[in-house]
């Protein structure tokens, strides 16, 4: 990872975690109590009681203050290999639910943190693709691809759609970030309509949107889930590289119905 790019990404996640990543000793797991974990982040309805970011052999866990002691006790007795695996993540999830007395109201998310640069970017042009304007919003709404968080991306020229004839079938753009807006752009990909998936439309529009972000002088950042291997493959095909991984525990505002969905089975690092 180029030094300046890595430093910029460190600064970006340091603000979220309220911990200076550059000062974290490699090989350490650092638990940081943070009042920021009490409120929802931009674009999310519910707060992340716990947000873990692992990058460059550093692991930072930002938690609600009430979780600091329970998590330190858990990590101290947790063998490191288990910490990397679904069993370890399940132990963390259960500890959070128990410590906050919120059984059934916490959910887990894990996935890679990816980025691209001019040097790694690989253009993919498999289908007709063009920049989206406000005039296209009605047809995007009809296709089920539009989201209001893309309005700024549309206005600044970083939102692109891939077309099948006259119809938009896949969309990619960016959404607002709360800090370092002049250095980082978070990619936002509503996806591809079901009938056109696995045909390269997603790669095509993500490629165009990524190029536009790079040309604007910013680093395109791509966050996705372990449960969406297609999304990961699309990003890698366009040249996105790993910065690290994240694991979050979100608090639901109301108790959800029972779920039997298992935690993701891929490693956390």
C-alpha atoms as a PDB file:
ATOM      1  CA  UNK A   1       0.000   0.000   0.000  1.00  0.00           C
ATOM      2  CA  UNK A   2       1.518   3.389  -0.978  1.00  0.00           C
ATOM      3  CA  UNK A   3       2.591   5.309   2.115  1.00  0.00           C
ATOM      4  CA  UNK A   4       0.490   8.423   1.587  1.00  0.00           C
ATOM      5  CA  UNK A   5      -2.581   6.351   0.726  1.00  0.00           C
ATOM      6  CA  UNK A   6      -2.160   4.197   3.826  1.00  0.00           C
ATOM      7  CA  UNK A   7      -1.664   7.281   5.990  1.00  0.00           C
ATOM      8  CA  UNK A   8      -4.814   8.895   4.605  1.00  0.00           C
ATOM      9  CA  UNK A   9      -6.864   5.760   5.234  1.00  0.00           C
ATOM     10  CA  UNK A  10      -5.411   5.545   8.749  1.00  0.00           C
ATOM     11  CA  UNK A  11      -6.528   9.130   9.392  1.00  0.00           C
ATOM     12  CA  UNK A  12      -9.982   8.368   8.026  1.00  0.00           C
ATOM     13  CA  UNK A  13     -10.620   5.392  10.294  1.00  0.00           C
ATOM     14  CA  UNK A  14      -8.854   7.021  13.254  1.00  0.00           C
ATOM     15  CA  UNK A  15     -11.616   9.642  13.299  1.00  0.00           C
ATOM     16  CA  UNK A  16     -14.324   6.970  13.369  1.00  0.00           C
ATOM     17  CA  UNK A  17     -12.590   4.937  16.084  1.00  0.00           C
ATOM     18  CA  UNK A  18     -11.373   7.943  18.124  1.00  0.00           C
ATOM     19  CA  UNK A  19      -7.935   6.351  18.177  1.00  0.00           C
ATOM     20  CA  UNK A  20      -4.799   7.371  16.257  1.00  0.00           C
ATOM     21  CA  UNK A  21      -3.996   4.275  14.220  1.00  0.00           C
ATOM     22  CA  UNK A  22      -0.460   5.476  13.543  1.00  0.00           C
ATOM     23  CA  UNK A  23       0.329   5.196  17.257  1.00  0.00           C
ATOM     24  CA  UNK A  24      -0.920   1.622  17.650  1.00  0.00           C
ATOM     25  CA  UNK A  25       1.889  -0.899  18.076  1.00  0.00           C
ATOM     26  CA  UNK A  26       1.758  -3.676  15.441  1.00  0.00           C
ATOM     27  CA  UNK A  27       0.680  -6.976  16.949  1.00  0.00           C
ATOM     28  CA  UNK A  28      -1.480  -5.365  19.622  1.00  0.00           C
ATOM     29  CA  UNK A  29      -5.230  -5.481  20.201  1.00  0.00           C
ATOM     30  CA  UNK A  30      -6.270  -2.087  21.571  1.00  0.00           C
ATOM     31  CA  UNK A  31      -9.703  -1.467  23.119  1.00  0.00           C
ATOM     32  CA  UNK A  32     -10.821   2.173  23.096  1.00  0.00           C
ATOM     33  CA  UNK A  33     -13.889   3.455  25.006  1.00  0.00           C
ATOM     34  CA  UNK A  34     -15.675   5.959  22.786  1.00  0.00           C
ATOM     35  CA  UNK A  35     -18.791   8.064  23.292  1.00  0.00           C
ATOM     36  CA  UNK A  36     -19.146   8.067  19.506  1.00  0.00           C
ATOM     37  CA  UNK A  37     -20.332   4.463  19.741  1.00  0.00           C
ATOM     38  CA  UNK A  38     -23.478   5.723  21.503  1.00  0.00           C
ATOM     39  CA  UNK A  39     -24.860   7.455  18.382  1.00  0.00           C
ATOM     40  CA  UNK A  40     -25.537   6.275  14.820  1.00  0.00           C
ATOM     41  CA  UNK A  41     -22.927   6.971  12.169  1.00  0.00           C
ATOM     42  CA  UNK A  42     -23.863   8.792   8.974  1.00  0.00           C
ATOM     43  CA  UNK A  43     -26.182   6.661   6.757  1.00  0.00           C
ATOM     44  CA  UNK A  44     -27.065   4.254   9.595  1.00  0.00           C
ATOM     45  CA  UNK A  45     -30.167   4.176  11.788  1.00  0.00           C
ATOM     46  CA  UNK A  46     -28.602   2.414  14.776  1.00  0.00           C
ATOM     47  CA  UNK A  47     -25.337   2.880  16.698  1.00  0.00           C
ATOM     48  CA  UNK A  48     -22.409   0.490  16.498  1.00  0.00           C
ATOM     49  CA  UNK A  49     -21.801  -0.576  20.091  1.00  0.00           C
ATOM     50  CA  UNK A  50     -18.518  -2.042  18.899  1.00  0.00           C
ATOM     51  CA  UNK A  51     -16.443  -1.287  15.812  1.00  0.00           C
ATOM     52  CA  UNK A  52     -13.306  -3.313  15.176  1.00  0.00           C
ATOM     53  CA  UNK A  53     -10.843  -2.403  12.431  1.00  0.00           C
ATOM     54  CA  UNK A  54      -7.854  -4.629  11.711  1.00  0.00           C
ATOM     55  CA  UNK A  55      -5.178  -3.286   9.367  1.00  0.00           C
ATOM     56  CA  UNK A  56      -1.427  -3.574   9.029  1.00  0.00           C
ATOM     57  CA  UNK A  57      -1.137  -6.105  11.880  1.00  0.00           C
ATOM     58  CA  UNK A  58      -2.958  -3.642  14.143  1.00  0.00           C
ATOM     59  CA  UNK A  59      -6.341  -4.309  15.730  1.00  0.00           C
ATOM     60  CA  UNK A  60      -8.402  -1.497  17.246  1.00  0.00           C
ATOM     61  CA  UNK A  61     -11.747  -2.111  18.926  1.00  0.00           C
ATOM     62  CA  UNK A  62     -13.798   1.034  19.560  1.00  0.00           C
ATOM     63  CA  UNK A  63     -16.575   0.338  22.081  1.00  0.00           C
ATOM     64  CA  UNK A  64     -19.241   1.992  24.158  1.00  0.00           C
ATOM     65  CA  UNK A  65     -17.634   2.893  27.522  1.00  0.00           C
ATOM     66  CA  UNK A  66     -19.721   0.270  29.357  1.00  0.00           C
ATOM     67  CA  UNK A  67     -18.121  -2.426  27.198  1.00  0.00           C
ATOM     68  CA  UNK A  68     -14.477  -1.586  27.889  1.00  0.00           C
ATOM     69  CA  UNK A  69     -13.998  -3.813  30.942  1.00  0.00           C
ATOM     70  CA  UNK A  70     -16.026  -6.827  29.693  1.00  0.00           C
ATOM     71  CA  UNK A  71     -14.213  -6.769  26.346  1.00  0.00           C
ATOM     72  CA  UNK A  72     -10.779  -6.472  27.944  1.00  0.00           C
ATOM     73  CA  UNK A  73     -11.544  -9.496  30.117  1.00  0.00           C
ATOM     74  CA  UNK A  74     -12.737 -11.457  27.095  1.00  0.00           C
ATOM     75  CA  UNK A  75      -9.777 -10.563  24.869  1.00  0.00           C
ATOM     76  CA  UNK A  76      -7.299 -11.341  27.652  1.00  0.00           C
ATOM     77  CA  UNK A  77      -8.446 -14.955  27.832  1.00  0.00           C
ATOM     78  CA  UNK A  78      -9.221 -15.446  24.147  1.00  0.00           C
ATOM     79  CA  UNK A  79      -6.510 -17.298  22.195  1.00  0.00           C
ATOM     80  CA  UNK A  80      -5.582 -15.176  19.199  1.00  0.00           C
ATOM     81  CA  UNK A  81      -6.413 -17.818  16.542  1.00  0.00           C
ATOM     82  CA  UNK A  82      -9.943 -18.106  17.951  1.00  0.00           C
ATOM     83  CA  UNK A  83     -10.276 -14.325  17.895  1.00  0.00           C
ATOM     84  CA  UNK A  84      -9.842 -14.452  14.108  1.00  0.00           C
ATOM     85  CA  UNK A  85     -12.602 -17.008  13.542  1.00  0.00           C
ATOM     86  CA  UNK A  86     -16.420 -17.038  13.651  1.00  0.00           C
ATOM     87  CA  UNK A  87     -16.301 -18.585  17.124  1.00  0.00           C
ATOM     88  CA  UNK A  88     -14.352 -15.606  18.420  1.00  0.00           C
ATOM     89  CA  UNK A  89     -16.685 -13.118  16.779  1.00  0.00           C
ATOM     90  CA  UNK A  90     -19.653 -14.955  18.281  1.00  0.00           C
ATOM     91  CA  UNK A  91     -18.055 -14.667  21.722  1.00  0.00           C
ATOM     92  CA  UNK A  92     -17.675 -10.919  21.197  1.00  0.00           C
ATOM     93  CA  UNK A  93     -21.293 -10.591  20.063  1.00  0.00           C
ATOM     94  CA  UNK A  94     -22.551 -12.517  23.091  1.00  0.00           C
ATOM     95  CA  UNK A  95     -20.378 -10.444  25.434  1.00  0.00           C
ATOM     96  CA  UNK A  96     -21.803  -7.207  24.030  1.00  0.00           C
ATOM     97  CA  UNK A  97     -25.400  -8.437  24.332  1.00  0.00           C
ATOM     98  CA  UNK A  98     -24.837  -9.607  27.901  1.00  0.00           C
ATOM     99  CA  UNK A  99     -22.935  -6.514  29.070  1.00  0.00           C
ATOM    100  CA  UNK A 100     -25.552  -4.130  27.653  1.00  0.00           C
ATOM    101  CA  UNK A 101     -28.464  -6.374  28.685  1.00  0.00           C
ATOM    102  CA  UNK A 102     -29.780  -6.428  25.136  1.00  0.00           C
ATOM    103  CA  UNK A 103     -30.479 -10.076  24.290  1.00  0.00           C
ATOM    104  CA  UNK A 104     -31.812 -10.398  20.761  1.00  0.00           C
ATOM    105  CA  UNK A 105     -31.090  -6.762  19.913  1.00  0.00           C
ATOM    106  CA  UNK A 106     -27.549  -6.910  18.589  1.00  0.00           C
ATOM    107  CA  UNK A 107     -26.382  -8.000  15.157  1.00  0.00           C
ATOM    108  CA  UNK A 108     -22.945  -8.550  13.660  1.00  0.00           C
ATOM    109  CA  UNK A 109     -21.382  -7.454  10.385  1.00  0.00           C
ATOM    110  CA  UNK A 110     -17.951  -8.296   9.022  1.00  0.00           C
ATOM    111  CA  UNK A 111     -16.233  -7.642   5.735  1.00  0.00           C
ATOM    112  CA  UNK A 112     -13.212  -6.321   3.886  1.00  0.00           C
ATOM    113  CA  UNK A 113     -12.151  -2.690   3.598  1.00  0.00           C
ATOM    114  CA  UNK A 114     -10.923  -2.130   0.042  1.00  0.00           C
ATOM    115  CA  UNK A 115      -9.409   0.824  -1.828  1.00  0.00           C
ATOM    116  CA  UNK A 116      -8.089   1.622  -5.290  1.00  0.00           C
ATOM    117  CA  UNK A 117      -5.427   3.943  -6.699  1.00  0.00           C
ATOM    118  CA  UNK A 118      -4.310   4.976 -10.178  1.00  0.00           C
ATOM    119  CA  UNK A 119      -1.742   2.211  -9.994  1.00  0.00           C
ATOM    120  CA  UNK A 120      -4.137  -0.591  -9.049  1.00  0.00           C
ATOM    121  CA  UNK A 121      -7.198   0.505 -11.039  1.00  0.00           C
ATOM    122  CA  UNK A 122      -8.187  -1.830 -13.902  1.00  0.00           C
ATOM    123  CA  UNK A 123     -10.840  -0.392 -16.240  1.00  0.00           C
ATOM    124  CA  UNK A 124     -13.659  -2.723 -17.253  1.00  0.00           C
ATOM    125  CA  UNK A 125     -15.857  -1.712 -20.184  1.00  0.00           C
ATOM    126  CA  UNK A 126     -18.132  -4.617 -21.021  1.00  0.00           C
ATOM    127  CA  UNK A 127     -21.365  -2.701 -21.611  1.00  0.00           C
ATOM    128  CA  UNK A 128     -22.572   0.798 -22.513  1.00  0.00           C
ATOM    129  CA  UNK A 129     -22.091   3.065 -19.491  1.00  0.00           C
ATOM    130  CA  UNK A 130     -22.498   6.772 -18.906  1.00  0.00           C
ATOM    131  CA  UNK A 131     -22.545   9.435 -16.233  1.00  0.00           C
ATOM    132  CA  UNK A 132     -25.916   9.931 -14.534  1.00  0.00           C
ATOM    133  CA  UNK A 133     -27.631  13.309 -14.272  1.00  0.00           C
ATOM    134  CA  UNK A 134     -30.661  14.459 -12.307  1.00  0.00           C
ATOM    135  CA  UNK A 135     -32.768  13.907 -15.434  1.00  0.00           C
ATOM    136  CA  UNK A 136     -32.118  10.167 -15.080  1.00  0.00           C
ATOM    137  CA  UNK A 137     -33.511   9.897 -11.555  1.00  0.00           C
ATOM    138  CA  UNK A 138     -37.084   8.913 -12.568  1.00  0.00           C
ATOM    139  CA  UNK A 139     -35.899   5.986 -14.699  1.00  0.00           C
ATOM    140  CA  UNK A 140     -33.504   4.900 -11.943  1.00  0.00           C
ATOM    141  CA  UNK A 141     -36.408   4.961  -9.497  1.00  0.00           C
ATOM    142  CA  UNK A 142     -38.443   2.799 -11.845  1.00  0.00           C
ATOM    143  CA  UNK A 143     -35.567   0.308 -12.040  1.00  0.00           C
ATOM    144  CA  UNK A 144     -35.261   0.239  -8.237  1.00  0.00           C
ATOM    145  CA  UNK A 145     -31.672   1.529  -8.340  1.00  0.00           C
ATOM    146  CA  UNK A 146     -32.027   5.073  -6.991  1.00  0.00           C
ATOM    147  CA  UNK A 147     -31.138   6.168  -3.460  1.00  0.00           C
ATOM    148  CA  UNK A 148     -31.200   9.761  -2.219  1.00  0.00           C
ATOM    149  CA  UNK A 149     -27.715   9.368  -0.750  1.00  0.00           C
ATOM    150  CA  UNK A 150     -26.453   9.390  -4.362  1.00  0.00           C
ATOM    151  CA  UNK A 151     -27.672  12.946  -5.029  1.00  0.00           C
ATOM    152  CA  UNK A 152     -24.299  14.532  -4.263  1.00  0.00           C
ATOM    153  CA  UNK A 153     -22.537  11.921  -6.384  1.00  0.00           C
ATOM    154  CA  UNK A 154     -24.864  12.691  -9.275  1.00  0.00           C
ATOM    155  CA  UNK A 155     -24.238  16.415  -8.873  1.00  0.00           C
ATOM    156  CA  UNK A 156     -20.443  16.054  -8.797  1.00  0.00           C
ATOM    157  CA  UNK A 157     -20.286  13.623 -11.718  1.00  0.00           C
ATOM    158  CA  UNK A 158     -19.187  10.419  -9.986  1.00  0.00           C
ATOM    159  CA  UNK A 159     -22.381   8.381 -10.460  1.00  0.00           C
ATOM    160  CA  UNK A 160     -22.549   6.003 -13.427  1.00  0.00           C
ATOM    161  CA  UNK A 161     -25.029   3.478 -14.773  1.00  0.00           C
ATOM    162  CA  UNK A 162     -24.518   0.543 -17.111  1.00  0.00           C
ATOM    163  CA  UNK A 163     -27.248   0.098 -19.698  1.00  0.00           C
ATOM    164  CA  UNK A 164     -28.946  -2.750 -21.523  1.00  0.00           C
ATOM    165  CA  UNK A 165     -30.328  -0.917 -24.522  1.00  0.00           C
ATOM    166  CA  UNK A 166     -32.178   2.137 -23.185  1.00  0.00           C
ATOM    167  CA  UNK A 167     -32.564   0.718 -19.686  1.00  0.00           C
ATOM    168  CA  UNK A 168     -30.205   1.257 -16.726  1.00  0.00           C
ATOM    169  CA  UNK A 169     -29.531  -2.112 -15.114  1.00  0.00           C
ATOM    170  CA  UNK A 170     -26.660  -1.372 -12.715  1.00  0.00           C
ATOM    171  CA  UNK A 171     -25.561   1.696 -10.782  1.00  0.00           C
ATOM    172  CA  UNK A 172     -22.486   2.836  -8.854  1.00  0.00           C
ATOM    173  CA  UNK A 173     -21.549   6.118  -7.254  1.00  0.00           C
ATOM    174  CA  UNK A 174     -20.391   7.595  -3.974  1.00  0.00           C
ATOM    175  CA  UNK A 175     -22.041   8.699  -0.763  1.00  0.00           C
ATOM    176  CA  UNK A 176     -21.101  11.387   1.719  1.00  0.00           C
ATOM    177  CA  UNK A 177     -18.500  10.732   4.407  1.00  0.00           C
ATOM    178  CA  UNK A 178     -18.362  12.740   7.669  1.00  0.00           C
ATOM    179  CA  UNK A 179     -14.677  13.721   7.415  1.00  0.00           C
ATOM    180  CA  UNK A 180     -11.778  13.955   4.943  1.00  0.00           C
ATOM    181  CA  UNK A 181     -14.273  14.589   2.156  1.00  0.00           C
ATOM    182  CA  UNK A 182     -11.525  16.048  -0.023  1.00  0.00           C
ATOM    183  CA  UNK A 183      -9.381  12.912   0.290  1.00  0.00           C
ATOM    184  CA  UNK A 184     -11.778   9.957   0.568  1.00  0.00           C
ATOM    185  CA  UNK A 185     -14.880   8.931  -1.394  1.00  0.00           C
ATOM    186  CA  UNK A 186     -16.922   5.999  -0.126  1.00  0.00           C
ATOM    187  CA  UNK A 187     -18.281   4.012  -3.040  1.00  0.00           C
ATOM    188  CA  UNK A 188     -21.979   3.227  -2.925  1.00  0.00           C
ATOM    189  CA  UNK A 189     -23.311   0.486  -5.193  1.00  0.00           C
ATOM    190  CA  UNK A 190     -27.089  -0.108  -5.179  1.00  0.00           C
ATOM    191  CA  UNK A 191     -26.336  -3.111  -7.356  1.00  0.00           C
ATOM    192  CA  UNK A 192     -27.583  -4.725 -10.541  1.00  0.00           C
ATOM    193  CA  UNK A 193     -31.156  -5.716 -11.302  1.00  0.00           C
ATOM    194  CA  UNK A 194     -31.594  -9.478 -10.704  1.00  0.00           C
ATOM    195  CA  UNK A 195     -32.122 -10.407 -14.359  1.00  0.00           C
ATOM    196  CA  UNK A 196     -28.747  -8.926 -15.375  1.00  0.00           C
ATOM    197  CA  UNK A 197     -26.459 -10.077 -12.597  1.00  0.00           C
ATOM    198  CA  UNK A 198     -23.204 -11.926 -13.361  1.00  0.00           C
ATOM    199  CA  UNK A 199     -23.000 -10.376 -16.823  1.00  0.00           C
ATOM    200  CA  UNK A 200     -20.433  -7.688 -16.054  1.00  0.00           C
ATOM    201  CA  UNK A 201     -22.778  -4.722 -15.690  1.00  0.00           C
ATOM    202  CA  UNK A 202     -21.717  -4.124 -12.086  1.00  0.00           C
ATOM    203  CA  UNK A 203     -18.029  -4.186 -12.995  1.00  0.00           C
ATOM    204  CA  UNK A 204     -18.640  -1.761 -15.838  1.00  0.00           C
ATOM    205  CA  UNK A 205     -20.393   0.938 -13.814  1.00  0.00           C
ATOM    206  CA  UNK A 206     -18.137   0.503 -10.770  1.00  0.00           C
ATOM    207  CA  UNK A 207     -15.148   0.912 -13.073  1.00  0.00           C
ATOM    208  CA  UNK A 208     -16.479   4.192 -14.471  1.00  0.00           C
ATOM    209  CA  UNK A 209     -17.402   5.572 -11.043  1.00  0.00           C
ATOM    210  CA  UNK A 210     -14.020   4.559  -9.629  1.00  0.00           C
ATOM    211  CA  UNK A 211     -12.188   6.271 -12.482  1.00  0.00           C
ATOM    212  CA  UNK A 212     -14.168   9.466 -11.867  1.00  0.00           C
ATOM    213  CA  UNK A 213     -13.265   9.436  -8.159  1.00  0.00           C
ATOM    214  CA  UNK A 214      -9.572   8.864  -8.867  1.00  0.00           C
ATOM    215  CA  UNK A 215      -9.584  11.688 -11.410  1.00  0.00           C
ATOM    216  CA  UNK A 216     -11.089  13.954  -8.735  1.00  0.00           C
ATOM    217  CA  UNK A 217      -7.972  13.375  -6.606  1.00  0.00           C
ATOM    218  CA  UNK A 218      -9.647  11.227  -3.966  1.00  0.00           C
ATOM    219  CA  UNK A 219      -9.171   7.645  -2.815  1.00  0.00           C
ATOM    220  CA  UNK A 220     -12.156   5.405  -3.622  1.00  0.00           C
ATOM    221  CA  UNK A 221     -13.044   3.312  -0.570  1.00  0.00           C
ATOM    222  CA  UNK A 222     -15.167   0.179  -0.947  1.00  0.00           C
ATOM    223  CA  UNK A 223     -16.828  -1.440   2.075  1.00  0.00           C
ATOM    224  CA  UNK A 224     -18.761  -4.664   1.669  1.00  0.00           C
ATOM    225  CA  UNK A 225     -19.870  -7.766   3.528  1.00  0.00           C
ATOM    226  CA  UNK A 226     -18.422 -11.249   3.811  1.00  0.00           C
ATOM    227  CA  UNK A 227     -21.938 -12.437   2.985  1.00  0.00           C
ATOM    228  CA  UNK A 228     -21.724 -10.819  -0.465  1.00  0.00           C
ATOM    229  CA  UNK A 229     -18.901 -12.592  -2.325  1.00  0.00           C
ATOM    230  CA  UNK A 230     -20.159 -11.224  -5.643  1.00  0.00           C
ATOM    231  CA  UNK A 231     -19.616  -7.668  -4.429  1.00  0.00           C
ATOM    232  CA  UNK A 232     -16.084  -8.507  -3.297  1.00  0.00           C
ATOM    233  CA  UNK A 233     -15.283 -10.159  -6.636  1.00  0.00           C
ATOM    234  CA  UNK A 234     -16.615  -7.152  -8.554  1.00  0.00           C
ATOM    235  CA  UNK A 235     -14.421  -4.753  -6.598  1.00  0.00           C
ATOM    236  CA  UNK A 236     -11.317  -6.917  -6.978  1.00  0.00           C
ATOM    237  CA  UNK A 237     -11.923  -7.202 -10.734  1.00  0.00           C
ATOM    238  CA  UNK A 238     -11.746  -3.407 -11.000  1.00  0.00           C
ATOM    239  CA  UNK A 239      -8.499  -3.267  -9.028  1.00  0.00           C
ATOM    240  CA  UNK A 240      -9.537  -2.701  -5.423  1.00  0.00           C
ATOM    241  CA  UNK A 241      -6.950  -3.847  -2.889  1.00  0.00           C
ATOM    242  CA  UNK A 242      -7.251  -4.717   0.827  1.00  0.00           C
ATOM    243  CA  UNK A 243      -6.620  -2.053   3.450  1.00  0.00           C
ATOM    244  CA  UNK A 244      -7.950  -4.227   6.257  1.00  0.00           C
ATOM    245  CA  UNK A 245     -11.102  -5.726   7.687  1.00  0.00           C
ATOM    246  CA  UNK A 246     -13.909  -4.577   9.931  1.00  0.00           C
ATOM    247  CA  UNK A 247     -16.285  -6.185  12.392  1.00  0.00           C
ATOM    248  CA  UNK A 248     -19.205  -4.256  13.859  1.00  0.00           C
ATOM    249  CA  UNK A 249     -21.884  -4.961  16.425  1.00  0.00           C
ATOM    250  CA  UNK A 250     -24.998  -2.897  15.821  1.00  0.00           C
ATOM    251  CA  UNK A 251     -27.753  -2.234  18.354  1.00  0.00           C
ATOM    252  CA  UNK A 252     -31.293  -2.474  17.028  1.00  0.00           C
ATOM    253  CA  UNK A 253     -33.770   0.149  18.219  1.00  0.00           C
ATOM    254  CA  UNK A 254     -36.408  -2.547  18.701  1.00  0.00           C
ATOM    255  CA  UNK A 255     -36.190  -6.260  19.298  1.00  0.00           C
ATOM    256  CA  UNK A 256     -36.102  -8.050  15.918  1.00  0.00           C
ATOM    257  CA  UNK A 257     -37.782 -11.372  15.173  1.00  0.00           C
ATOM    258  CA  UNK A 258     -35.683 -14.481  15.875  1.00  0.00           C
ATOM    259  CA  UNK A 259     -33.055 -15.215  13.215  1.00  0.00           C
ATOM    260  CA  UNK A 260     -31.196 -18.390  12.403  1.00  0.00           C
ATOM    261  CA  UNK A 261     -28.687 -16.714  10.072  1.00  0.00           C
ATOM    262  CA  UNK A 262     -25.135 -17.683  11.123  1.00  0.00           C
ATOM    263  CA  UNK A 263     -22.285 -15.236  11.398  1.00  0.00           C
ATOM    264  CA  UNK A 264     -20.038 -14.969   8.317  1.00  0.00           C
ATOM    265  CA  UNK A 265     -17.599 -17.851   8.065  1.00  0.00           C
ATOM    266  CA  UNK A 266     -14.616 -15.998   6.590  1.00  0.00           C
ATOM    267  CA  UNK A 267     -11.722 -14.884   8.808  1.00  0.00           C
ATOM    268  CA  UNK A 268     -11.766 -11.442  10.377  1.00  0.00           C
ATOM    269  CA  UNK A 269      -8.248 -10.568   9.272  1.00  0.00           C
END
